[in-house]
Amino acid sequence: MDKQRRKELQQQYQQVKTYMGVYQVTNTVSGRILIGACPNLKNRWLTLRMQLDMGRHANSELQRDWDELGVGNFTYEEIEEKEVTEDTDTRWELRQMEKAWLEKLQPYGERGYNKPPRD
């Protein structure tokens, strides 16, 4: 690859917009949900599925249900997204976005897979 083509590809890559946001994984059998936040939503569902398929997801309850029910009984939805810019404080923004959705949906206990917030 010549230098000019490489430079063009690098510029194109830098212009690709990145979106951070909040996602929801839903167990369609029980209705339980998992709310999570990610700085780059592009491949999040693929990553989650890989972790769950390999039996390595950090949430043991979600992992157990996934193992019992299979991928066909779960859905993934991006419920809020925001473009990431150079001046975005991604960590702070994600915490605020996720906190708002956790308060709204209350995905704890029988309703979800998230752990309740500590007071």
PDB file of N, CA and C in Angstrom:
ATOM      1  N   MET A   1       0.846  -1.172   0.000  1.00  0.00           N
ATOM      2  CA  MET A   1       0.000   0.000   0.000  1.00  0.00           C
ATOM      3  C   MET A   1       0.896   1.241   0.000  1.00  0.00           C
ATOM      4  N   ASP A   2       0.608   2.163  -0.891  1.00  0.00           N
ATOM      5  CA  ASP A   2       1.442   3.358  -0.943  1.00  0.00           C
ATOM      6  C   ASP A   2       1.069   4.339   0.169  1.00  0.00           C
ATOM      7  N   LYS A   3       1.943   5.288   0.405  1.00  0.00           N
ATOM      8  CA  LYS A   3       1.771   6.224   1.522  1.00  0.00           C
ATOM      9  C   LYS A   3       0.519   7.084   1.379  1.00  0.00           C
ATOM     10  N   GLN A   4       0.220   7.479   0.146  1.00  0.00           N
ATOM     11  CA  GLN A   4      -0.956   8.328  -0.084  1.00  0.00           C
ATOM     12  C   GLN A   4      -2.239   7.576   0.273  1.00  0.00           C
ATOM     13  N   ARG A   5      -2.339   6.321  -0.159  1.00  0.00           N
ATOM     14  CA  ARG A   5      -3.541   5.518   0.135  1.00  0.00           C
ATOM     15  C   ARG A   5      -3.665   5.277   1.639  1.00  0.00           C
ATOM     16  N   ARG A   6      -2.548   5.024   2.264  1.00  0.00           N
ATOM     17  CA  ARG A   6      -2.555   4.807   3.720  1.00  0.00           C
ATOM     18  C   ARG A   6      -3.037   6.064   4.446  1.00  0.00           C
ATOM     19  N   LYS A   7      -2.582   7.216   4.005  1.00  0.00           N
ATOM     20  CA  LYS A   7      -2.988   8.476   4.608  1.00  0.00           C
ATOM     21  C   LYS A   7      -4.494   8.708   4.417  1.00  0.00           C
ATOM     22  N   GLU A   8      -5.007   8.395   3.237  1.00  0.00           N
ATOM     23  CA  GLU A   8      -6.441   8.534   2.967  1.00  0.00           C
ATOM     24  C   GLU A   8      -7.262   7.634   3.891  1.00  0.00           C
ATOM     25  N   LEU A   9      -6.822   6.400   4.055  1.00  0.00           N
ATOM     26  CA  LEU A   9      -7.537   5.469   4.924  1.00  0.00           C
ATOM     27  C   LEU A   9      -7.516   5.932   6.379  1.00  0.00           C
ATOM     28  N   GLN A  10      -6.387   6.460   6.834  1.00  0.00           N
ATOM     29  CA  GLN A  10      -6.292   6.971   8.202  1.00  0.00           C
ATOM     30  C   GLN A  10      -7.240   8.147   8.414  1.00  0.00           C
ATOM     31  N   GLN A  11      -7.338   9.029   7.428  1.00  0.00           N
ATOM     32  CA  GLN A  11      -8.251  10.165   7.532  1.00  0.00           C
ATOM     33  C   GLN A  11      -9.701   9.695   7.552  1.00  0.00           C
ATOM     34  N   GLN A  12     -10.038   8.712   6.747  1.00  0.00           N
ATOM     35  CA  GLN A  12     -11.393   8.171   6.736  1.00  0.00           C
ATOM     36  C   GLN A  12     -11.731   7.561   8.093  1.00  0.00           C
ATOM     37  N   TYR A  13     -10.797   6.824   8.649  1.00  0.00           N
ATOM     38  CA  TYR A  13     -11.011   6.181   9.941  1.00  0.00           C
ATOM     39  C   TYR A  13     -11.247   7.227  11.027  1.00  0.00           C
ATOM     40  N   GLN A  14     -10.487   8.315  10.998  1.00  0.00           N
ATOM     41  CA  GLN A  14     -10.633   9.364  12.002  1.00  0.00           C
ATOM     42  C   GLN A  14     -11.972  10.083  11.886  1.00  0.00           C
ATOM     43  N   GLN A  15     -12.575  10.039  10.711  1.00  0.00           N
ATOM     44  CA  GLN A  15     -13.862  10.703  10.506  1.00  0.00           C
ATOM     45  C   GLN A  15     -15.057   9.818  10.876  1.00  0.00           C
ATOM     46  N   VAL A  16     -14.814   8.542  11.132  1.00  0.00           N
ATOM     47  CA  VAL A  16     -15.893   7.652  11.534  1.00  0.00           C
ATOM     48  C   VAL A  16     -16.369   8.078  12.915  1.00  0.00           C
ATOM     49  N   LYS A  17     -17.662   8.289  13.035  1.00  0.00           N
ATOM     50  CA  LYS A  17     -18.220   8.731  14.304  1.00  0.00           C
ATOM     51  C   LYS A  17     -18.331   7.558  15.266  1.00  0.00           C
ATOM     52  N   THR A  18     -18.017   7.833  16.519  1.00  0.00           N
ATOM     53  CA  THR A  18     -18.133   6.844  17.575  1.00  0.00           C
ATOM     54  C   THR A  18     -19.279   7.262  18.480  1.00  0.00           C
ATOM     55  N   TYR A  19     -20.092   6.300  18.868  1.00  0.00           N
ATOM     56  CA  TYR A  19     -21.217   6.580  19.742  1.00  0.00           C
ATOM     57  C   TYR A  19     -21.083   5.802  21.044  1.00  0.00           C
ATOM     58  N   MET A  20     -21.216   6.534  22.144  1.00  0.00           N
ATOM     59  CA  MET A  20     -21.268   5.891  23.450  1.00  0.00           C
ATOM     60  C   MET A  20     -22.739   5.821  23.837  1.00  0.00           C
ATOM     61  N   GLY A  21     -23.033   5.008  24.847  1.00  0.00           N
ATOM     62  CA  GLY A  21     -24.417   5.001  25.267  1.00  0.00           C
ATOM     63  C   GLY A  21     -24.780   3.888  26.211  1.00  0.00           C
ATOM     64  N   VAL A  22     -26.080   3.736  26.365  1.00  0.00           N
ATOM     65  CA  VAL A  22     -26.661   2.769  27.285  1.00  0.00           C
ATOM     66  C   VAL A  22     -27.408   1.725  26.473  1.00  0.00           C
ATOM     67  N   TYR A  23     -27.257   0.468  26.889  1.00  0.00           N
ATOM     68  CA  TYR A  23     -27.930  -0.627  26.197  1.00  0.00           C
ATOM     69  C   TYR A  23     -28.736  -1.451  27.191  1.00  0.00           C
ATOM     70  N   GLN A  24     -29.650  -2.236  26.631  1.00  0.00           N
ATOM     71  CA  GLN A  24     -30.489  -3.107  27.439  1.00  0.00           C
ATOM     72  C   GLN A  24     -30.502  -4.498  26.818  1.00  0.00           C
ATOM     73  N   VAL A  25     -30.236  -5.503  27.633  1.00  0.00           N
ATOM     74  CA  VAL A  25     -30.366  -6.896  27.220  1.00  0.00           C
ATOM     75  C   VAL A  25     -31.611  -7.416  27.932  1.00  0.00           C
ATOM     76  N   THR A  26     -32.536  -8.000  27.173  1.00  0.00           N
ATOM     77  CA  THR A  26     -33.800  -8.461  27.740  1.00  0.00           C
ATOM     78  C   THR A  26     -33.947  -9.962  27.597  1.00  0.00           C
ATOM     79  N   ASN A  27     -34.276 -10.622  28.688  1.00  0.00           N
ATOM     80  CA  ASN A  27     -34.647 -12.032  28.688  1.00  0.00           C
ATOM     81  C   ASN A  27     -36.118 -12.047  28.308  1.00  0.00           C
ATOM     82  N   THR A  28     -36.448 -12.520  27.110  1.00  0.00           N
ATOM     83  CA  THR A  28     -37.824 -12.454  26.623  1.00  0.00           C
ATOM     84  C   THR A  28     -38.738 -13.483  27.293  1.00  0.00           C
ATOM     85  N   VAL A  29     -38.174 -14.427  28.005  1.00  0.00           N
ATOM     86  CA  VAL A  29     -38.972 -15.414  28.731  1.00  0.00           C
ATOM     87  C   VAL A  29     -39.447 -14.843  30.068  1.00  0.00           C
ATOM     88  N   SER A  30     -38.517 -14.297  30.832  1.00  0.00           N
ATOM     89  CA  SER A  30     -38.844 -13.794  32.168  1.00  0.00           C
ATOM     90  C   SER A  30     -39.104 -12.292  32.204  1.00  0.00           C
ATOM     91  N   GLY A  31     -38.632 -11.566  31.202  1.00  0.00           N
ATOM     92  CA  GLY A  31     -38.766 -10.120  31.190  1.00  0.00           C
ATOM     93  C   GLY A  31     -37.667  -9.393  31.949  1.00  0.00           C
ATOM     94  N   ARG A  32     -36.755 -10.135  32.547  1.00  0.00           N
ATOM     95  CA  ARG A  32     -35.655  -9.505  33.279  1.00  0.00           C
ATOM     96  C   ARG A  32     -34.738  -8.784  32.301  1.00  0.00           C
ATOM     97  N   ILE A  33     -34.164  -7.669  32.754  1.00  0.00           N
ATOM     98  CA  ILE A  33     -33.299  -6.876  31.884  1.00  0.00           C
ATOM     99  C   ILE A  33     -31.962  -6.584  32.557  1.00  0.00           C
ATOM    100  N   LEU A  34     -30.978  -6.350  31.728  1.00  0.00           N
ATOM    101  CA  LEU A  34     -29.675  -5.870  32.166  1.00  0.00           C
ATOM    102  C   LEU A  34     -29.458  -4.523  31.495  1.00  0.00           C
ATOM    103  N   ILE A  35     -29.108  -3.526  32.277  1.00  0.00           N
ATOM    104  CA  ILE A  35     -28.774  -2.203  31.750  1.00  0.00           C
ATOM    105  C   ILE A  35     -27.266  -2.031  31.877  1.00  0.00           C
ATOM    106  N   GLY A  36     -26.644  -1.581  30.808  1.00  0.00           N
ATOM    107  CA  GLY A  36     -25.206  -1.351  30.822  1.00  0.00           C
ATOM    108  C   GLY A  36     -24.856  -0.128  29.994  1.00  0.00           C
ATOM    109  N   ALA A  37     -23.654   0.374  30.192  1.00  0.00           N
ATOM    110  CA  ALA A  37     -23.168   1.527  29.451  1.00  0.00           C
ATOM    111  C   ALA A  37     -21.833   1.169  28.823  1.00  0.00           C
ATOM    112  N   CYS A  38     -21.564   1.766  27.664  1.00  0.00           N
ATOM    113  CA  CYS A  38     -20.358   1.421  26.925  1.00  0.00           C
ATOM    114  C   CYS A  38     -19.845   2.653  26.166  1.00  0.00           C
ATOM    115  N   PRO A  39     -18.532   2.874  26.180  1.00  0.00           N
ATOM    116  CA  PRO A  39     -17.984   4.033  25.470  1.00  0.00           C
ATOM    117  C   PRO A  39     -18.019   3.900  23.952  1.00  0.00           C
ATOM    118  N   ASN A  40     -18.212   2.689  23.435  1.00  0.00           N
ATOM    119  CA  ASN A  40     -18.311   2.477  21.992  1.00  0.00           C
ATOM    120  C   ASN A  40     -19.332   1.380  21.748  1.00  0.00           C
ATOM    121  N   LEU A  41     -20.532   1.757  21.342  1.00  0.00           N
ATOM    122  CA  LEU A  41     -21.632   0.804  21.177  1.00  0.00           C
ATOM    123  C   LEU A  41     -21.505  -0.077  19.934  1.00  0.00           C
ATOM    124  N   LYS A  42     -20.607   0.273  19.035  1.00  0.00           N
ATOM    125  CA  LYS A  42     -20.549  -0.383  17.728  1.00  0.00           C
ATOM    126  C   LYS A  42     -20.554  -1.911  17.809  1.00  0.00           C
ATOM    127  N   ASN A  43     -19.723  -2.479  18.629  1.00  0.00           N
ATOM    128  CA  ASN A  43     -19.622  -3.940  18.688  1.00  0.00           C
ATOM    129  C   ASN A  43     -20.049  -4.518  20.032  1.00  0.00           C
ATOM    130  N   ARG A  44     -20.794  -3.757  20.824  1.00  0.00           N
ATOM    131  CA  ARG A  44     -21.107  -4.204  22.178  1.00  0.00           C
ATOM    132  C   ARG A  44     -21.893  -5.512  22.202  1.00  0.00           C
ATOM    133  N   TRP A  45     -22.917  -5.648  21.369  1.00  0.00           N
ATOM    134  CA  TRP A  45     -23.722  -6.869  21.382  1.00  0.00           C
ATOM    135  C   TRP A  45     -22.876  -8.073  20.977  1.00  0.00           C
ATOM    136  N   LEU A  46     -22.019  -7.900  20.019  1.00  0.00           N
ATOM    137  CA  LEU A  46     -21.132  -8.982  19.607  1.00  0.00           C
ATOM    138  C   LEU A  46     -20.234  -9.410  20.764  1.00  0.00           C
ATOM    139  N   THR A  47     -19.690  -8.445  21.493  1.00  0.00           N
ATOM    140  CA  THR A  47     -18.834  -8.744  22.637  1.00  0.00           C
ATOM    141  C   THR A  47     -19.612  -9.446  23.746  1.00  0.00           C
ATOM    142  N   LEU A  48     -20.802  -8.936  24.047  1.00  0.00           N
ATOM    143  CA  LEU A  48     -21.633  -9.564  25.085  1.00  0.00           C
ATOM    144  C   LEU A  48     -21.970 -11.007  24.722  1.00  0.00           C
ATOM    145  N   ARG A  49     -22.382 -11.210  23.487  1.00  0.00           N
ATOM    146  CA  ARG A  49     -22.734 -12.575  23.039  1.00  0.00           C
ATOM    147  C   ARG A  49     -21.536 -13.506  23.140  1.00  0.00           C
ATOM    148  N   MET A  50     -20.366 -13.021  22.766  1.00  0.00           N
ATOM    149  CA  MET A  50     -19.166 -13.856  22.836  1.00  0.00           C
ATOM    150  C   MET A  50     -18.885 -14.237  24.291  1.00  0.00           C
ATOM    151  N   GLN A  51     -18.955 -13.271  25.195  1.00  0.00           N
ATOM    152  CA  GLN A  51     -18.732 -13.563  26.617  1.00  0.00           C
ATOM    153  C   GLN A  51     -19.740 -14.587  27.124  1.00  0.00           C
ATOM    154  N   LEU A  52     -20.999 -14.394  26.784  1.00  0.00           N
ATOM    155  CA  LEU A  52     -22.052 -15.300  27.251  1.00  0.00           C
ATOM    156  C   LEU A  52     -21.915 -16.687  26.619  1.00  0.00           C
ATOM    157  N   ASP A  53     -21.633 -16.741  25.331  1.00  0.00           N
ATOM    158  CA  ASP A  53     -21.456 -18.040  24.656  1.00  0.00           C
ATOM    159  C   ASP A  53     -20.277 -18.819  25.220  1.00  0.00           C
ATOM    160  N   MET A  54     -19.253 -18.099  25.674  1.00  0.00           N
ATOM    161  CA  MET A  54     -18.069 -18.755  26.230  1.00  0.00           C
ATOM    162  C   MET A  54     -18.227 -19.044  27.727  1.00  0.00           C
ATOM    163  N   GLY A  55     -19.348 -18.608  28.308  1.00  0.00           N
ATOM    164  CA  GLY A  55     -19.580 -18.836  29.727  1.00  0.00           C
ATOM    165  C   GLY A  55     -18.732 -17.948  30.619  1.00  0.00           C
ATOM    166  N   ARG A  56     -18.370 -16.768  30.137  1.00  0.00           N
ATOM    167  CA  ARG A  56     -17.442 -15.908  30.869  1.00  0.00           C
ATOM    168  C   ARG A  56     -18.015 -14.535  31.222  1.00  0.00           C
ATOM    169  N   HIS A  57     -19.323 -14.388  31.189  1.00  0.00           N
ATOM    170  CA  HIS A  57     -19.886 -13.082  31.539  1.00  0.00           C
ATOM    171  C   HIS A  57     -19.818 -12.888  33.051  1.00  0.00           C
ATOM    172  N   ALA A  58     -19.539 -11.663  33.478  1.00  0.00           N
ATOM    173  CA  ALA A  58     -19.361 -11.361  34.907  1.00  0.00           C
ATOM    174  C   ALA A  58     -20.651 -11.499  35.718  1.00  0.00           C
ATOM    175  N   ASN A  59     -21.802 -11.351  35.071  1.00  0.00           N
ATOM    176  CA  ASN A  59     -23.071 -11.448  35.787  1.00  0.00           C
ATOM    177  C   ASN A  59     -23.529 -12.906  35.780  1.00  0.00           C
ATOM    178  N   SER A  60     -23.390 -13.566  36.925  1.00  0.00           N
ATOM    179  CA  SER A  60     -23.663 -15.006  37.000  1.00  0.00           C
ATOM    180  C   SER A  60     -25.136 -15.355  36.764  1.00  0.00           C
ATOM    181  N   GLU A  61     -26.057 -14.495  37.172  1.00  0.00           N
ATOM    182  CA  GLU A  61     -27.484 -14.774  36.952  1.00  0.00           C
ATOM    183  C   GLU A  61     -27.818 -14.710  35.468  1.00  0.00           C
ATOM    184  N   LEU A  62     -27.314 -13.690  34.796  1.00  0.00           N
ATOM    185  CA  LEU A  62     -27.521 -13.574  33.357  1.00  0.00           C
ATOM    186  C   LEU A  62     -26.880 -14.763  32.645  1.00  0.00           C
ATOM    187  N   GLN A  63     -25.684 -15.117  33.061  1.00  0.00           N
ATOM    188  CA  GLN A  63     -24.985 -16.247  32.446  1.00  0.00           C
ATOM    189  C   GLN A  63     -25.784 -17.533  32.600  1.00  0.00           C
ATOM    190  N   ARG A  64     -26.321 -17.771  33.790  1.00  0.00           N
ATOM    191  CA  ARG A  64     -27.106 -18.983  34.041  1.00  0.00           C
ATOM    192  C   ARG A  64     -28.351 -19.031  33.133  1.00  0.00           C
ATOM    193  N   ASP A  65     -29.071 -17.914  33.045  1.00  0.00           N
ATOM    194  CA  ASP A  65     -30.257 -17.875  32.193  1.00  0.00           C
ATOM    195  C   ASP A  65     -29.892 -18.045  30.722  1.00  0.00           C
ATOM    196  N   TRP A  66     -28.790 -17.446  30.307  1.00  0.00           N
ATOM    197  CA  TRP A  66     -28.325 -17.573  28.919  1.00  0.00           C
ATOM    198  C   TRP A  66     -28.025 -19.042  28.611  1.00  0.00           C
ATOM    199  N   ASP A  67     -27.335 -19.692  29.527  1.00  0.00           N
ATOM    200  CA  ASP A  67     -26.981 -21.098  29.330  1.00  0.00           C
ATOM    201  C   ASP A  67     -28.230 -21.971  29.235  1.00  0.00           C
ATOM    202  N   GLU A  68     -29.236 -21.679  30.055  1.00  0.00           N
ATOM    203  CA  GLU A  68     -30.469 -22.472  30.069  1.00  0.00           C
ATOM    204  C   GLU A  68     -31.371 -22.180  28.872  1.00  0.00           C
ATOM    205  N   LEU A  69     -31.492 -20.908  28.492  1.00  0.00           N
ATOM    206  CA  LEU A  69     -32.475 -20.499  27.488  1.00  0.00           C
ATOM    207  C   LEU A  69     -31.916 -20.300  26.084  1.00  0.00           C
ATOM    208  N   GLY A  70     -30.646 -19.934  25.987  1.00  0.00           N
ATOM    209  CA  GLY A  70     -30.028 -19.722  24.681  1.00  0.00           C
ATOM    210  C   GLY A  70     -30.255 -18.333  24.113  1.00  0.00           C
ATOM    211  N   VAL A  71     -29.476 -18.004  23.117  1.00  0.00           N
ATOM    212  CA  VAL A  71     -29.458 -16.684  22.498  1.00  0.00           C
ATOM    213  C   VAL A  71     -30.817 -16.269  21.943  1.00  0.00           C
ATOM    214  N   GLY A  72     -31.606 -17.212  21.485  1.00  0.00           N
ATOM    215  CA  GLY A  72     -32.897 -16.900  20.880  1.00  0.00           C
ATOM    216  C   GLY A  72     -33.903 -16.289  21.833  1.00  0.00           C
ATOM    217  N   ASN A  73     -33.636 -16.352  23.114  1.00  0.00           N
ATOM    218  CA  ASN A  73     -34.557 -15.808  24.111  1.00  0.00           C
ATOM    219  C   ASN A  73     -34.053 -14.512  24.745  1.00  0.00           C
ATOM    220  N   PHE A  74     -33.129 -13.850  24.063  1.00  0.00           N
ATOM    221  CA  PHE A  74     -32.599 -12.578  24.541  1.00  0.00           C
ATOM    222  C   PHE A  74     -32.573 -11.575  23.396  1.00  0.00           C
ATOM    223  N   THR A  75     -32.843 -10.331  23.737  1.00  0.00           N
ATOM    224  CA  THR A  75     -32.747  -9.256  22.748  1.00  0.00           C
ATOM    225  C   THR A  75     -31.782  -8.195  23.266  1.00  0.00           C
ATOM    226  N   TYR A  76     -31.241  -7.433  22.335  1.00  0.00           N
ATOM    227  CA  TYR A  76     -30.309  -6.349  22.644  1.00  0.00           C
ATOM    228  C   TYR A  76     -30.853  -5.081  22.016  1.00  0.00           C
ATOM    229  N   GLU A  77     -30.828  -4.007  22.791  1.00  0.00           N
ATOM    230  CA  GLU A  77     -31.316  -2.734  22.282  1.00  0.00           C
ATOM    231  C   GLU A  77     -30.447  -1.608  22.830  1.00  0.00           C
ATOM    232  N   GLU A  78     -30.083  -0.690  21.962  1.00  0.00           N
ATOM    233  CA  GLU A  78     -29.376   0.512  22.386  1.00  0.00           C
ATOM    234  C   GLU A  78     -30.451   1.531  22.738  1.00  0.00           C
ATOM    235  N   ILE A  79     -30.568   1.885  24.018  1.00  0.00           N
ATOM    236  CA  ILE A  79     -31.672   2.729  24.447  1.00  0.00           C
ATOM    237  C   ILE A  79     -31.310   4.211  24.516  1.00  0.00           C
ATOM    238  N   GLU A  80     -30.027   4.518  24.492  1.00  0.00           N
ATOM    239  CA  GLU A  80     -29.598   5.909  24.407  1.00  0.00           C
ATOM    240  C   GLU A  80     -28.186   5.933  23.845  1.00  0.00           C
ATOM    241  N   GLU A  81     -27.971   6.836  22.908  1.00  0.00           N
ATOM    242  CA  GLU A  81     -26.631   6.977  22.364  1.00  0.00           C
ATOM    243  C   GLU A  81     -26.296   8.447  22.196  1.00  0.00           C
ATOM    244  N   LYS A  82     -25.006   8.706  22.259  1.00  0.00           N
ATOM    245  CA  LYS A  82     -24.515  10.074  22.110  1.00  0.00           C
ATOM    246  C   LYS A  82     -23.182  10.008  21.386  1.00  0.00           C
ATOM    247  N   GLU A  83     -23.011  10.917  20.443  1.00  0.00           N
ATOM    248  CA  GLU A  83     -21.757  10.956  19.697  1.00  0.00           C
ATOM    249  C   GLU A  83     -20.608  11.370  20.608  1.00  0.00           C
ATOM    250  N   VAL A  84     -19.494  10.706  20.460  1.00  0.00           N
ATOM    251  CA  VAL A  84     -18.296  11.030  21.224  1.00  0.00           C
ATOM    252  C   VAL A  84     -17.491  12.043  20.428  1.00  0.00           C
ATOM    253  N   THR A  85     -17.151  13.145  21.080  1.00  0.00           N
ATOM    254  CA  THR A  85     -16.311  14.161  20.460  1.00  0.00           C
ATOM    255  C   THR A  85     -15.030  14.282  21.271  1.00  0.00           C
ATOM    256  N   GLU A  86     -14.111  15.077  20.784  1.00  0.00           N
ATOM    257  CA  GLU A  86     -12.816  15.225  21.453  1.00  0.00           C
ATOM    258  C   GLU A  86     -12.948  15.771  22.871  1.00  0.00           C
ATOM    259  N   ASP A  87     -13.932  16.646  23.091  1.00  0.00           N
ATOM    260  CA  ASP A  87     -14.065  17.265  24.405  1.00  0.00           C
ATOM    261  C   ASP A  87     -15.090  16.557  25.312  1.00  0.00           C
ATOM    262  N   THR A  88     -15.555  15.388  24.922  1.00  0.00           N
ATOM    263  CA  THR A  88     -16.513  14.640  25.735  1.00  0.00           C
ATOM    264  C   THR A  88     -15.812  13.978  26.918  1.00  0.00           C
ATOM    265  N   ASP A  89     -16.354  14.177  28.097  1.00  0.00           N
ATOM    266  CA  ASP A  89     -15.886  13.461  29.283  1.00  0.00           C
ATOM    267  C   ASP A  89     -16.683  12.153  29.318  1.00  0.00           C
ATOM    268  N   THR A  90     -16.196  11.167  28.607  1.00  0.00           N
ATOM    269  CA  THR A  90     -16.929   9.931  28.365  1.00  0.00           C
ATOM    270  C   THR A  90     -17.328   9.230  29.651  1.00  0.00           C
ATOM    271  N   ARG A  91     -16.415   9.088  30.577  1.00  0.00           N
ATOM    272  CA  ARG A  91     -16.722   8.365  31.822  1.00  0.00           C
ATOM    273  C   ARG A  91     -17.851   9.042  32.590  1.00  0.00           C
ATOM    274  N   TRP A  92     -17.770  10.353  32.727  1.00  0.00           N
ATOM    275  CA  TRP A  92     -18.793  11.086  33.463  1.00  0.00           C
ATOM    276  C   TRP A  92     -20.134  10.997  32.751  1.00  0.00           C
ATOM    277  N   GLU A  93     -20.122  11.238  31.442  1.00  0.00           N
ATOM    278  CA  GLU A  93     -21.356  11.182  30.651  1.00  0.00           C
ATOM    279  C   GLU A  93     -22.018   9.808  30.748  1.00  0.00           C
ATOM    280  N   LEU A  94     -21.220   8.754  30.617  1.00  0.00           N
ATOM    281  CA  LEU A  94     -21.777   7.403  30.689  1.00  0.00           C
ATOM    282  C   LEU A  94     -22.375   7.114  32.058  1.00  0.00           C
ATOM    283  N   ARG A  95     -21.700   7.539  33.116  1.00  0.00           N
ATOM    284  CA  ARG A  95     -22.239   7.331  34.475  1.00  0.00           C
ATOM    285  C   ARG A  95     -23.587   8.017  34.625  1.00  0.00           C
ATOM    286  N   GLN A  96     -23.698   9.243  34.109  1.00  0.00           N
ATOM    287  CA  GLN A  96     -24.957   9.984  34.221  1.00  0.00           C
ATOM    288  C   GLN A  96     -26.070   9.321  33.399  1.00  0.00           C
ATOM    289  N   MET A  97     -25.738   8.907  32.196  1.00  0.00           N
ATOM    290  CA  MET A  97     -26.728   8.256  31.334  1.00  0.00           C
ATOM    291  C   MET A  97     -27.215   6.949  31.956  1.00  0.00           C
ATOM    292  N   GLU A  98     -26.257   6.116  32.407  1.00  0.00           N
ATOM    293  CA  GLU A  98     -26.613   4.829  32.988  1.00  0.00           C
ATOM    294  C   GLU A  98     -27.420   5.017  34.272  1.00  0.00           C
ATOM    295  N   LYS A  99     -27.011   5.947  35.103  1.00  0.00           N
ATOM    296  CA  LYS A  99     -27.716   6.208  36.361  1.00  0.00           C
ATOM    297  C   LYS A  99     -29.179   6.577  36.096  1.00  0.00           C
ATOM    298  N   ALA A 100     -29.412   7.425  35.112  1.00  0.00           N
ATOM    299  CA  ALA A 100     -30.786   7.835  34.779  1.00  0.00           C
ATOM    300  C   ALA A 100     -31.629   6.641  34.355  1.00  0.00           C
ATOM    301  N   TRP A 101     -31.075   5.748  33.532  1.00  0.00           N
ATOM    302  CA  TRP A 101     -31.824   4.576  33.083  1.00  0.00           C
ATOM    303  C   TRP A 101     -32.036   3.566  34.205  1.00  0.00           C
ATOM    304  N   LEU A 102     -31.057   3.422  35.076  1.00  0.00           N
ATOM    305  CA  LEU A 102     -31.224   2.524  36.219  1.00  0.00           C
ATOM    306  C   LEU A 102     -32.331   3.032  37.135  1.00  0.00           C
ATOM    307  N   GLU A 103     -32.380   4.345  37.357  1.00  0.00           N
ATOM    308  CA  GLU A 103     -33.439   4.918  38.185  1.00  0.00           C
ATOM    309  C   GLU A 103     -34.804   4.742  37.531  1.00  0.00           C
ATOM    310  N   LYS A 104     -34.851   4.919  36.232  1.00  0.00           N
ATOM    311  CA  LYS A 104     -36.121   4.828  35.502  1.00  0.00           C
ATOM    312  C   LYS A 104     -36.650   3.393  35.435  1.00  0.00           C
ATOM    313  N   LEU A 105     -35.778   2.432  35.113  1.00  0.00           N
ATOM    314  CA  LEU A 105     -36.226   1.057  34.867  1.00  0.00           C
ATOM    315  C   LEU A 105     -36.132   0.134  36.081  1.00  0.00           C
ATOM    316  N   GLN A 106     -35.308   0.498  37.065  1.00  0.00           N
ATOM    317  CA  GLN A 106     -35.169  -0.298  38.290  1.00  0.00           C
ATOM    318  C   GLN A 106     -34.949  -1.797  37.989  1.00  0.00           C
ATOM    319  N   PRO A 107     -33.881  -2.143  37.278  1.00  0.00           N
ATOM    320  CA  PRO A 107     -33.664  -3.540  36.868  1.00  0.00           C
ATOM    321  C   PRO A 107     -32.993  -4.388  37.952  1.00  0.00           C
ATOM    322  N   TYR A 108     -33.627  -4.468  39.097  1.00  0.00           N
ATOM    323  CA  TYR A 108     -33.051  -5.167  40.238  1.00  0.00           C
ATOM    324  C   TYR A 108     -33.943  -6.325  40.649  1.00  0.00           C
ATOM    325  N   GLY A 109     -33.336  -7.328  41.281  1.00  0.00           N
ATOM    326  CA  GLY A 109     -34.103  -8.464  41.802  1.00  0.00           C
ATOM    327  C   GLY A 109     -34.846  -9.204  40.700  1.00  0.00           C
ATOM    328  N   GLU A 110     -36.142  -9.375  40.870  1.00  0.00           N
ATOM    329  CA  GLU A 110     -36.959 -10.108  39.891  1.00  0.00           C
ATOM    330  C   GLU A 110     -37.109  -9.349  38.575  1.00  0.00           C
ATOM    331  N   ARG A 111     -36.850  -8.055  38.591  1.00  0.00           N
ATOM    332  CA  ARG A 111     -37.024  -7.229  37.390  1.00  0.00           C
ATOM    333  C   ARG A 111     -35.797  -7.205  36.497  1.00  0.00           C
ATOM    334  N   GLY A 112     -34.642  -7.568  37.062  1.00  0.00           N
ATOM    335  CA  GLY A 112     -33.449  -7.438  36.240  1.00  0.00           C
ATOM    336  C   GLY A 112     -32.220  -8.120  36.821  1.00  0.00           C
ATOM    337  N   TYR A 113     -31.141  -7.913  36.118  1.00  0.00           N
ATOM    338  CA  TYR A 113     -29.861  -8.542  36.447  1.00  0.00           C
ATOM    339  C   TYR A 113     -28.880  -7.575  37.116  1.00  0.00           C
ATOM    340  N   ASN A 114     -29.211  -6.297  37.161  1.00  0.00           N
ATOM    341  CA  ASN A 114     -28.296  -5.338  37.769  1.00  0.00           C
ATOM    342  C   ASN A 114     -28.316  -5.451  39.285  1.00  0.00           C
ATOM    343  N   LYS A 115     -27.219  -5.087  39.887  1.00  0.00           N
ATOM    344  CA  LYS A 115     -27.127  -5.065  41.344  1.00  0.00           C
ATOM    345  C   LYS A 115     -27.670  -3.712  41.820  1.00  0.00           C
ATOM    346  N   PRO A 116     -28.433  -3.696  42.916  1.00  0.00           N
ATOM    347  CA  PRO A 116     -28.975  -2.412  43.412  1.00  0.00           C
ATOM    348  C   PRO A 116     -27.833  -1.485  43.823  1.00  0.00           C
ATOM    349  N   PRO A 117     -28.048  -0.181  43.672  1.00  0.00           N
ATOM    350  CA  PRO A 117     -27.001   0.775  44.052  1.00  0.00           C
ATOM    351  C   PRO A 117     -26.783   0.770  45.562  1.00  0.00           C
ATOM    352  N   ARG A 118     -25.557   1.040  45.947  1.00  0.00           N
ATOM    353  CA  ARG A 118     -25.235   1.152  47.374  1.00  0.00           C
ATOM    354  C   ARG A 118     -25.526   2.573  47.822  1.00  0.00           C
ATOM    355  N   ASP A 119     -26.149   2.705  48.960  1.00  0.00           N
ATOM    356  CA  ASP A 119     -26.473   4.052  49.466  1.00  0.00           C
ATOM    357  C   ASP A 119     -25.355   4.624  50.293  1.00  0.00           C
TER     358      ASP A 119
END
